[in-house]
N, C-alpha and C. Protein backbone atom coordinates (compact mmCIF):
# COMPACT_ATOMS: atom_id res chain seq x y z
N UNK A 1 -9.06 13.24 8.70
CA UNK A 1 -8.84 12.27 9.84
C UNK A 1 -7.83 10.91 9.37
N UNK A 2 -6.67 10.56 10.06
CA UNK A 2 -6.00 9.76 9.76
C UNK A 2 -6.50 8.66 10.16
N UNK A 3 -6.07 7.18 9.36
CA UNK A 3 -6.57 6.01 9.89
C UNK A 3 -5.30 5.34 10.22
N UNK A 4 -4.94 4.67 11.28
CA UNK A 4 -3.77 3.66 11.44
C UNK A 4 -3.90 2.80 10.25
N UNK A 5 -2.18 2.15 9.69
CA UNK A 5 -2.46 1.19 8.62
C UNK A 5 -2.67 -0.15 9.48
N UNK A 6 -3.18 -1.08 9.22
CA UNK A 6 -3.13 -2.27 10.04
C UNK A 6 -2.10 -3.20 9.59
N UNK A 7 -1.64 -3.87 10.45
CA UNK A 7 -0.41 -5.12 9.60
C UNK A 7 -0.66 -5.46 8.50
N UNK A 8 0.31 -5.25 7.60
CA UNK A 8 0.36 -5.68 6.20
C UNK A 8 1.89 -6.17 5.66
N UNK A 9 2.27 -7.14 6.61
CA UNK A 9 3.57 -7.74 6.28
C UNK A 9 3.38 -8.73 5.03
N UNK A 10 2.19 -8.97 4.75
CA UNK A 10 1.68 -10.28 3.69
C UNK A 10 1.68 -9.23 1.91
N UNK A 11 1.83 -7.96 2.30
CA UNK A 11 1.61 -7.34 0.72
C UNK A 11 2.50 -6.50 0.24
N UNK A 12 3.16 -6.55 -0.65
CA UNK A 12 4.34 -5.58 -1.38
C UNK A 12 3.47 -4.16 -1.89
N UNK A 13 3.69 -3.52 -1.14
CA UNK A 13 3.04 -1.99 -1.73
C UNK A 13 3.46 -1.61 -2.57
N UNK A 14 2.94 -0.56 -3.47
CA UNK A 14 3.48 0.09 -4.53
C UNK A 14 4.93 0.93 -4.30
N UNK A 15 5.37 0.80 -3.39
CA UNK A 15 6.43 1.77 -3.10
C UNK A 15 7.41 1.88 -4.03
N UNK A 16 7.78 0.45 -4.38
CA UNK A 16 8.60 -0.27 -5.53
C UNK A 16 8.18 0.17 -6.48
N UNK A 17 7.00 0.34 -6.80
CA UNK A 17 6.46 0.59 -8.35
C UNK A 17 6.61 2.30 -8.62
N UNK A 18 6.83 2.89 -7.41
CA UNK A 18 6.45 4.42 -7.78
C UNK A 18 7.36 4.86 -9.00
N UNK A 19 8.44 4.40 -9.44
CA UNK A 19 9.23 4.67 -10.16
C UNK A 19 9.00 4.03 -11.56
N UNK A 20 7.99 3.12 -11.39
CA UNK A 20 7.66 2.49 -12.48
C UNK A 20 6.08 2.57 -12.83
N UNK A 21 5.56 2.23 -14.18
CA UNK A 21 4.35 2.26 -14.56
C UNK A 21 3.23 1.66 -13.52
N UNK A 22 2.35 2.57 -13.43
CA UNK A 22 1.20 1.65 -12.70
C UNK A 22 -0.24 2.15 -13.47
N UNK A 23 -1.21 1.18 -13.11
CA UNK A 23 -2.37 1.83 -13.57
C UNK A 23 -3.40 2.41 -12.94
N UNK A 24 -4.17 3.59 -13.06
CA UNK A 24 -5.18 4.09 -12.21
C UNK A 24 -6.73 3.45 -12.88
N UNK A 25 -7.44 3.07 -11.93
CA UNK A 25 -8.78 3.24 -12.38
C UNK A 25 -9.46 3.98 -11.44
N UNK A 26 -11.06 4.45 -11.39
CA UNK A 26 -11.64 5.02 -10.82
C UNK A 26 -13.19 4.42 -10.75
N UNK A 27 -13.64 4.63 -9.46
CA UNK A 27 -14.70 3.71 -9.07
C UNK A 27 -15.50 4.96 -8.15
N UNK A 28 -16.51 5.45 -8.81
CA UNK A 28 -17.21 6.87 -8.18
C UNK A 28 -16.12 7.78 -7.97
N UNK A 29 -15.98 8.25 -6.38
CA UNK A 29 -14.74 9.15 -6.35
C UNK A 29 -13.66 8.89 -6.23
N UNK A 30 -13.66 7.63 -5.88
CA UNK A 30 -12.14 6.58 -5.38
C UNK A 30 -11.16 6.35 -6.59
N UNK A 31 -10.45 6.40 -6.30
CA UNK A 31 -9.03 5.93 -7.34
C UNK A 31 -8.51 4.78 -6.87
N UNK A 32 -8.01 3.78 -7.58
CA UNK A 32 -7.25 2.82 -7.03
C UNK A 32 -5.94 2.37 -7.99
N UNK A 33 -5.14 1.99 -7.74
CA UNK A 33 -4.07 1.66 -8.58
C UNK A 33 -3.27 0.14 -8.40
N UNK A 34 -3.10 -0.34 -9.62
CA UNK A 34 -2.52 -1.40 -9.92
C UNK A 34 -1.43 -1.54 -10.53
N UNK A 35 -0.26 -2.49 -10.14
CA UNK A 35 1.13 -2.42 -11.02
C UNK A 35 0.76 -2.79 -12.45
N UNK A 36 1.34 -2.50 -13.21
CA UNK A 36 1.01 -2.66 -14.74
C UNK A 36 1.43 -3.64 -15.36
N UNK A 37 2.37 -4.40 -14.49
CA UNK A 37 2.66 -5.75 -14.54
C UNK A 37 2.14 -6.89 -14.53
N UNK A 38 0.91 -6.47 -13.63
CA UNK A 38 -0.36 -7.25 -13.64
C UNK A 38 -1.43 -7.55 -14.45
N UNK A 39 -1.73 -8.70 -15.12
CA UNK A 39 -2.45 -8.79 -16.55
C UNK A 39 -3.88 -8.04 -15.99
N UNK A 40 -4.13 -7.19 -16.99
CA UNK A 40 -5.62 -6.23 -16.99
C UNK A 40 -5.93 -6.27 -18.15
N UNK A 41 -7.53 -6.05 -18.49
CA UNK A 41 -8.08 -5.88 -19.61
C UNK A 41 -9.59 -5.36 -19.52
N UNK A 42 -9.76 -4.70 -20.78
CA UNK A 42 -11.27 -4.02 -20.64
C UNK A 42 -11.90 -4.78 -21.26
N UNK A 43 -13.08 -5.38 -20.85
CA UNK A 43 -13.64 -6.44 -21.33
C UNK A 43 -14.97 -5.67 -21.99
N UNK A 44 -15.40 -5.66 -23.22
CA UNK A 44 -16.47 -5.20 -23.88
C UNK A 44 -17.25 -6.17 -24.34
N UNK A 45 -18.67 -6.30 -24.44
CA UNK A 45 -19.77 -6.86 -25.21
C UNK A 45 -19.59 -8.28 -24.47
N UNK A 46 -19.26 -8.85 -23.37
CA UNK A 46 -19.63 -10.17 -23.08
C UNK A 46 -20.66 -9.80 -21.92
N UNK A 47 -21.75 -11.04 -22.27
CA UNK A 47 -22.72 -10.76 -20.98
C UNK A 47 -22.30 -11.15 -19.56
N UNK A 48 -22.61 -10.60 -18.50
CA UNK A 48 -22.84 -10.91 -17.16
C UNK A 48 -23.79 -11.52 -16.90
N UNK A 49 -23.64 -13.10 -16.42
CA UNK A 49 -24.92 -13.71 -15.91
C UNK A 49 -25.04 -13.48 -14.90
N UNK A 50 -26.36 -13.00 -14.31
CA UNK A 50 -26.54 -12.73 -12.89
C UNK A 50 -26.77 -14.09 -12.31
N UNK A 51 -26.66 -14.11 -11.07
CA UNK A 51 -26.97 -15.29 -9.86
C UNK A 51 -28.19 -14.80 -8.74
N UNK A 52 -28.93 -15.42 -8.73
CA UNK A 52 -30.12 -15.13 -7.89
C UNK A 52 -29.47 -15.22 -6.52
N UNK A 53 -30.08 -14.47 -5.59
CA UNK A 53 -30.01 -14.59 -3.95
C UNK A 53 -28.42 -14.65 -3.60
N UNK A 54 -27.74 -13.54 -4.28
CA UNK A 54 -26.37 -13.26 -3.61
C UNK A 54 -26.35 -12.06 -3.45
N UNK A 55 -25.06 -11.51 -2.90
CA UNK A 55 -24.92 -10.21 -2.27
C UNK A 55 -25.23 -9.08 -3.22
N UNK A 56 -26.14 -7.79 -3.17
CA UNK A 56 -26.09 -7.08 -4.30
C UNK A 56 -24.79 -6.63 -5.08
N UNK A 57 -23.70 -6.50 -4.36
CA UNK A 57 -22.57 -6.38 -5.28
C UNK A 57 -21.79 -7.30 -5.95
N UNK A 58 -22.29 -8.49 -5.74
CA UNK A 58 -21.75 -9.66 -6.82
C UNK A 58 -22.70 -9.47 -7.94
N UNK A 59 -22.21 -9.07 -9.13
CA UNK A 59 -23.36 -8.87 -10.25
C UNK A 59 -23.45 -10.09 -11.09
N UNK A 60 -22.39 -11.26 -10.77
CA UNK A 60 -22.88 -12.65 -11.63
C UNK A 60 -21.47 -12.99 -11.79
N UNK A 61 -21.43 -13.68 -12.74
CA UNK A 61 -20.24 -14.34 -13.54
C UNK A 61 -20.28 -14.13 -15.19
N UNK A 62 -19.16 -14.20 -15.32
CA UNK A 62 -18.60 -13.70 -16.91
C UNK A 62 -17.65 -14.60 -17.27
N UNK A 63 -17.44 -15.31 -18.73
CA UNK A 63 -17.05 -16.21 -19.51
C UNK A 63 -16.10 -15.67 -20.17
N UNK A 64 -14.64 -15.73 -19.64
CA UNK A 64 -13.78 -14.87 -20.54
C UNK A 64 -12.77 -15.96 -20.69
N UNK A 65 -12.94 -16.01 -22.23
CA UNK A 65 -12.02 -17.50 -22.70
C UNK A 65 -12.22 -18.50 -21.95
N UNK A 66 -13.09 -18.89 -21.60
CA UNK A 66 -13.25 -20.72 -20.97
C UNK A 66 -13.26 -20.36 -19.43
N UNK A 67 -12.75 -19.19 -18.85
CA UNK A 67 -12.75 -19.19 -17.70
C UNK A 67 -13.81 -18.57 -17.08
N UNK A 68 -14.36 -19.03 -16.02
CA UNK A 68 -15.67 -18.47 -15.40
C UNK A 68 -15.17 -17.32 -14.24
N UNK A 69 -15.71 -16.10 -14.33
CA UNK A 69 -14.81 -14.95 -13.66
C UNK A 69 -16.01 -14.21 -12.76
N UNK A 70 -15.94 -13.89 -11.48
CA UNK A 70 -16.72 -13.51 -11.01
C UNK A 70 -16.60 -11.75 -10.93
N UNK A 71 -17.90 -11.13 -11.07
CA UNK A 71 -17.96 -9.75 -11.34
C UNK A 71 -18.62 -9.04 -10.36
N UNK A 72 -17.68 -8.02 -9.73
CA UNK A 72 -17.79 -7.37 -8.49
C UNK A 72 -17.92 -5.95 -8.69
N UNK A 73 -19.14 -5.65 -8.42
CA UNK A 73 -19.51 -3.79 -8.25
C UNK A 73 -19.05 -3.38 -7.21
N UNK A 74 -18.04 -2.52 -7.32
CA UNK A 74 -17.44 -2.11 -6.29
C UNK A 74 -18.37 -0.68 -6.04
N UNK A 75 -18.74 -0.04 -6.69
CA UNK A 75 -19.95 0.86 -6.67
C UNK A 75 -20.92 0.40 -5.50
N UNK A 76 -21.46 -0.48 -5.59
CA UNK A 76 -22.92 -1.03 -5.01
C UNK A 76 -21.93 -1.56 -3.50
N UNK A 77 -20.90 -1.85 -3.44
CA UNK A 77 -20.11 -2.31 -2.10
C UNK A 77 -19.69 -1.10 -1.36
N UNK A 78 -19.23 -0.15 -2.29
CA UNK A 78 -18.51 0.83 -1.67
C UNK A 78 -19.85 2.07 -1.50
N UNK A 79 -21.33 2.02 -1.88
CA UNK A 79 -22.06 3.10 -1.68
C UNK A 79 -21.57 4.46 -2.56
N UNK A 80 -20.92 4.06 -4.01
CA UNK A 80 -20.48 4.94 -4.71
C UNK A 80 -21.23 5.20 -5.93
N UNK A 81 -21.60 6.31 -6.22
CA UNK A 81 -22.43 6.56 -7.63
C UNK A 81 -21.52 6.07 -8.86
N UNK A 82 -22.01 5.17 -9.64
CA UNK A 82 -21.74 4.83 -10.95
C UNK A 82 -21.34 6.12 -11.75
N UNK A 83 -20.22 5.84 -12.57
CA UNK A 83 -20.27 6.96 -13.82
C UNK A 83 -21.01 6.75 -14.96
N UNK A 84 -21.42 7.79 -15.76
CA UNK A 84 -22.15 7.75 -16.91
C UNK A 84 -22.03 6.45 -17.93
N UNK A 85 -20.66 6.13 -17.78
CA UNK A 85 -19.96 5.04 -18.76
C UNK A 85 -19.37 4.23 -17.87
N UNK A 86 -19.84 2.91 -17.85
CA UNK A 86 -19.18 2.07 -16.79
C UNK A 86 -18.43 0.92 -17.74
N UNK A 87 -17.05 0.39 -17.51
CA UNK A 87 -16.49 -0.88 -18.18
C UNK A 87 -16.27 -1.92 -17.36
N UNK A 88 -16.06 -3.08 -17.92
CA UNK A 88 -15.84 -4.28 -17.04
C UNK A 88 -14.22 -4.28 -17.02
N UNK A 89 -13.57 -4.47 -16.17
CA UNK A 89 -11.94 -4.65 -16.06
C UNK A 89 -11.77 -5.84 -15.32
N UNK A 90 -11.10 -6.66 -16.10
CA UNK A 90 -10.75 -7.95 -15.72
C UNK A 90 -9.29 -7.60 -15.41
N UNK A 91 -9.05 -8.45 -14.37
CA UNK A 91 -7.60 -8.18 -13.54
C UNK A 91 -7.21 -9.57 -12.93
N UNK A 92 -5.95 -9.90 -13.30
CA UNK A 92 -5.36 -11.25 -13.47
C UNK A 92 -5.59 -11.95 -13.94
N UNK A 93 -5.11 -13.44 -13.94
CA UNK A 93 -5.34 -14.51 -14.95
C UNK A 93 -5.75 -15.76 -14.43
N UNK A 94 -5.98 -16.54 -15.49
CA UNK A 94 -6.44 -17.83 -14.92
C UNK A 94 -7.89 -17.64 -14.18
N UNK A 95 -7.52 -18.63 -13.00
CA UNK A 95 -8.49 -18.82 -11.84
C UNK A 95 -8.39 -17.90 -10.83
N UNK A 96 -7.71 -16.78 -10.86
CA UNK A 96 -7.44 -15.68 -9.83
C UNK A 96 -8.08 -14.45 -10.67
N UNK A 97 -8.79 -14.51 -11.68
CA UNK A 97 -9.46 -13.38 -12.27
C UNK A 97 -10.39 -13.03 -11.79
N UNK A 98 -10.60 -11.93 -11.85
CA UNK A 98 -11.80 -10.78 -10.90
C UNK A 98 -12.12 -9.80 -12.16
N UNK A 99 -13.52 -9.72 -12.35
CA UNK A 99 -13.59 -8.50 -13.27
C UNK A 99 -14.67 -7.54 -12.45
N UNK A 100 -14.46 -6.40 -12.48
CA UNK A 100 -14.66 -5.29 -11.73
C UNK A 100 -15.59 -4.20 -12.35
N UNK A 101 -16.81 -3.29 -12.20
CA UNK A 101 -17.04 -2.36 -12.84
C UNK A 101 -16.21 -0.97 -12.55
N UNK A 102 -15.74 -0.59 -13.55
CA UNK A 102 -14.88 0.81 -13.55
C UNK A 102 -15.67 1.92 -13.98
N UNK A 103 -15.54 3.17 -13.67
CA UNK A 103 -15.77 4.40 -14.28
C UNK A 103 -14.63 4.88 -15.41
N UNK A 104 -15.09 4.89 -16.71
CA UNK A 104 -14.07 5.17 -17.84
C UNK A 104 -12.81 3.83 -18.12
N UNK A 105 -12.01 4.49 -18.82
CA UNK A 105 -10.87 3.71 -19.06
C UNK A 105 -9.64 3.71 -18.10
N UNK A 106 -9.13 2.97 -17.91
CA UNK A 106 -7.87 2.83 -17.00
C UNK A 106 -7.26 3.84 -17.84
N UNK A 107 -5.99 4.31 -16.53
CA UNK A 107 -5.26 5.05 -17.11
C UNK A 107 -3.62 4.83 -16.73
N UNK A 108 -2.56 4.99 -17.53
CA UNK A 108 -1.23 4.83 -17.24
C UNK A 108 -0.98 6.45 -16.35
N UNK A 109 -0.06 6.08 -15.21
CA UNK A 109 0.37 6.90 -14.12
C UNK A 109 1.68 7.04 -14.20
N UNK A 110 2.61 7.24 -15.36
CA UNK A 110 3.72 7.64 -14.83
C UNK A 110 4.39 8.85 -15.80
N UNK A 111 5.31 8.95 -15.65
CA UNK A 111 6.20 9.98 -16.26
C UNK A 111 6.10 11.02 -15.72
N UNK A 112 6.57 12.64 -16.30
CA UNK A 112 6.62 13.74 -15.87
C UNK A 112 5.23 14.24 -15.54
N UNK A 113 4.19 13.96 -15.97
CA UNK A 113 2.88 14.29 -15.84
C UNK A 113 2.25 13.60 -14.86
N UNK A 114 2.84 12.57 -14.55
CA UNK A 114 2.01 11.82 -13.56
C UNK A 114 2.82 11.15 -12.44
N UNK A 115 3.43 12.04 -11.52
CA UNK A 115 4.39 11.78 -10.59
C UNK A 115 3.39 11.18 -9.28
N UNK A 116 3.80 10.26 -8.61
CA UNK A 116 2.99 9.71 -7.33
C UNK A 116 4.01 10.20 -6.25
N UNK A 117 3.00 10.72 -5.18
CA UNK A 117 3.66 11.40 -4.36
C UNK A 117 2.76 10.38 -3.09
N UNK A 118 3.61 9.90 -1.96
CA UNK A 118 3.06 9.30 -0.77
C UNK A 118 2.18 10.27 -0.16
N UNK A 119 1.35 10.21 0.14
CA UNK A 119 0.29 10.61 1.40
C UNK A 119 0.58 9.86 2.54
N UNK A 120 1.11 10.72 3.68
CA UNK A 120 1.19 10.47 5.04
C UNK A 120 0.05 9.85 5.43
N UNK A 121 -1.30 10.36 5.30
CA UNK A 121 -2.56 9.85 5.98
C UNK A 121 -3.41 9.81 4.96
N UNK A 122 -4.11 8.48 5.35
CA UNK A 122 -5.17 8.05 4.43
C UNK A 122 -6.23 9.06 4.44
N UNK A 123 -6.97 9.17 3.23
CA UNK A 123 -8.13 10.23 2.86
C UNK A 123 -9.46 9.32 3.76
N UNK A 124 -10.37 9.69 3.91
CA UNK A 124 -11.41 9.53 4.79
C UNK A 124 -12.25 8.21 3.80
N UNK A 125 -11.95 6.73 4.17
CA UNK A 125 -12.41 5.54 3.20
C UNK A 125 -13.41 5.12 3.76
N UNK A 126 -14.32 4.34 2.99
CA UNK A 126 -15.79 3.68 3.31
C UNK A 126 -14.93 2.59 4.21
N UNK A 127 -15.65 2.08 5.53
CA UNK A 127 -15.23 1.22 6.45
C UNK A 127 -14.91 -0.15 5.66
N UNK A 128 -15.11 -0.37 4.90
CA UNK A 128 -15.02 -2.01 4.00
C UNK A 128 -13.72 -1.76 3.43
N UNK A 129 -13.26 -0.81 3.29
CA UNK A 129 -11.99 -0.64 2.59
C UNK A 129 -10.94 -0.50 3.52
N UNK A 130 -11.00 -0.30 4.69
CA UNK A 130 -9.72 0.43 5.35
C UNK A 130 -8.87 -0.18 6.00
N UNK A 131 -9.19 -1.50 5.92
CA UNK A 131 -8.23 -2.64 6.70
C UNK A 131 -7.19 -3.08 5.04
N UNK A 132 -7.94 -3.08 4.22
CA UNK A 132 -7.30 -3.37 2.73
C UNK A 132 -5.97 -2.51 1.69
N UNK A 133 -6.40 -1.39 2.56
CA UNK A 133 -5.60 -0.42 1.85
C UNK A 133 -4.33 -0.36 2.37
N UNK A 134 -2.87 -0.41 1.44
CA UNK A 134 -1.78 -0.48 1.80
C UNK A 134 -0.88 0.65 1.54
N UNK A 135 -1.52 2.23 0.94
CA UNK A 135 -0.96 3.17 0.57
C UNK A 135 -1.85 4.03 -0.01
N UNK A 136 -1.62 5.44 0.16
CA UNK A 136 -2.21 6.54 -0.52
C UNK A 136 -1.11 7.29 -1.63
N UNK A 137 -1.76 7.73 -2.51
CA UNK A 137 -0.69 8.40 -3.20
C UNK A 137 -1.43 9.63 -3.83
N UNK A 138 -0.90 10.55 -4.09
CA UNK A 138 -1.22 11.69 -4.83
C UNK A 138 -0.84 11.93 -6.24
N UNK A 139 -1.70 12.14 -7.02
CA UNK A 139 -1.26 12.34 -8.79
C UNK A 139 -2.25 13.38 -9.20
N UNK A 140 -1.47 14.61 -9.96
CA UNK A 140 -2.48 15.42 -10.60
C UNK A 140 -3.64 15.87 -9.63
N UNK A 141 -3.44 16.19 -8.15
CA UNK A 141 -4.30 16.46 -7.20
C UNK A 141 -5.53 15.77 -6.80
N UNK A 142 -5.32 14.23 -7.48
CA UNK A 142 -6.40 13.43 -6.96
C UNK A 142 -5.60 12.23 -5.92
N UNK A 143 -6.42 11.74 -5.20
CA UNK A 143 -5.92 10.81 -4.23
C UNK A 143 -6.14 9.33 -4.88
N UNK A 144 -5.08 8.56 -4.86
CA UNK A 144 -5.19 6.87 -5.63
C UNK A 144 -4.58 6.17 -4.47
N UNK A 145 -5.39 4.68 -4.44
CA UNK A 145 -5.16 4.19 -3.23
C UNK A 145 -4.63 2.64 -4.12
N UNK A 146 -3.57 2.17 -3.21
CA UNK A 146 -3.22 1.03 -3.34
C UNK A 146 -3.93 0.12 -2.45
N UNK A 147 -4.41 -0.93 -2.72
CA UNK A 147 -5.43 -1.89 -2.19
C UNK A 147 -5.28 -3.28 -2.55
N UNK A 148 -5.24 -4.18 -1.03
CA UNK A 148 -5.03 -5.66 -1.59
C UNK A 148 -6.49 -6.21 -1.71
N UNK A 149 -6.62 -6.31 -3.17
CA UNK A 149 -8.02 -6.42 -3.71
C UNK A 149 -8.03 -7.92 -3.68
N UNK A 150 -7.05 -8.88 -3.50
CA UNK A 150 -6.96 -10.28 -3.36
C UNK A 150 -7.73 -10.67 -1.53
N UNK A 151 -7.52 -10.15 -0.79
CA UNK A 151 -7.58 -10.15 0.48
C UNK A 151 -9.25 -9.71 0.52
N UNK A 152 -9.40 -8.49 -0.04
CA UNK A 152 -10.97 -7.99 0.07
C UNK A 152 -11.67 -8.91 -0.38
N UNK A 153 -11.28 -9.61 -1.64
CA UNK A 153 -12.40 -10.37 -2.28
C UNK A 153 -12.51 -11.68 -1.67
N UNK A 154 -11.55 -12.02 -0.91
CA UNK A 154 -11.60 -13.38 0.07
C UNK A 154 -12.15 -13.14 0.99
N UNK A 155 -12.44 -11.89 1.87
CA UNK A 155 -13.10 -11.61 2.78
C UNK A 155 -14.46 -11.42 2.55
N UNK A 156 -14.82 -10.92 1.30
CA UNK A 156 -15.96 -10.70 0.88
C UNK A 156 -16.50 -11.99 0.49
N UNK A 157 -16.04 -13.09 -0.03
CA UNK A 157 -16.26 -14.39 -0.17
C UNK A 157 -16.70 -15.23 1.25
N UNK A 158 -15.75 -14.72 2.31
CA UNK A 158 -16.51 -15.69 3.51
C UNK A 158 -17.17 -14.95 4.11
N UNK A 159 -17.79 -13.78 3.67
CA UNK A 159 -18.96 -12.82 4.24
C UNK A 159 -18.27 -11.83 5.55
N UNK A 160 -17.15 -11.56 5.69
CA UNK A 160 -16.23 -10.80 6.14
C UNK A 160 -15.87 -9.73 5.33
N UNK A 161 -16.06 -8.67 6.21
CA UNK A 161 -15.30 -7.25 5.84
C UNK A 161 -14.82 -6.73 7.01
N UNK A 162 -14.51 -5.68 6.92
CA UNK A 162 -13.82 -4.92 8.23
C UNK A 162 -15.02 -4.60 9.31
N UNK A 163 -16.10 -3.93 8.90
CA UNK A 163 -17.33 -3.88 9.65
C UNK A 163 -17.72 -4.79 10.33
N UNK A 164 -17.62 -6.00 9.56
CA UNK A 164 -18.06 -7.32 10.40
C UNK A 164 -17.23 -7.85 11.33
N UNK A 165 -15.80 -7.71 11.08
CA UNK A 165 -14.58 -8.20 11.75
C UNK A 165 -14.35 -7.34 12.80
N UNK A 166 -14.52 -6.07 13.18
CA UNK A 166 -14.26 -5.04 13.98
C UNK A 166 -14.71 -5.46 15.12
């Protein structure tokens, strides 16, 4: 089933990045791509401080080098089953940093073994993601999504998702 792409003029999709290095990480059955030029790091041994009376997908806050960082559980948000080994994955820097729970370590997807091919139609996606996906790619038999994480998190912060605004 193909899903029409909504208007995404404010997004620079990964098409320019296809010949460059991208990072892939998994959340349940879904794979996501980020430009390798974006600052990302796997966080270990830092406590996540829960906050009462928040949405279940909001795990709490994390202090990374003096920055208070929100922690989002995409598994909970998307109804995905978490893997056996989960890691906190911090994306971006300073006050734009968001930490995500991901399955396994991120991987670099470039080179002859990891060529990304553009998919003409999106795979079936959770409704909450549909309007934030800017592209879908195939690599080594797995689908990978380019997603507007910033826009998704802003919408979640305002209490809006595709399901609620449709």
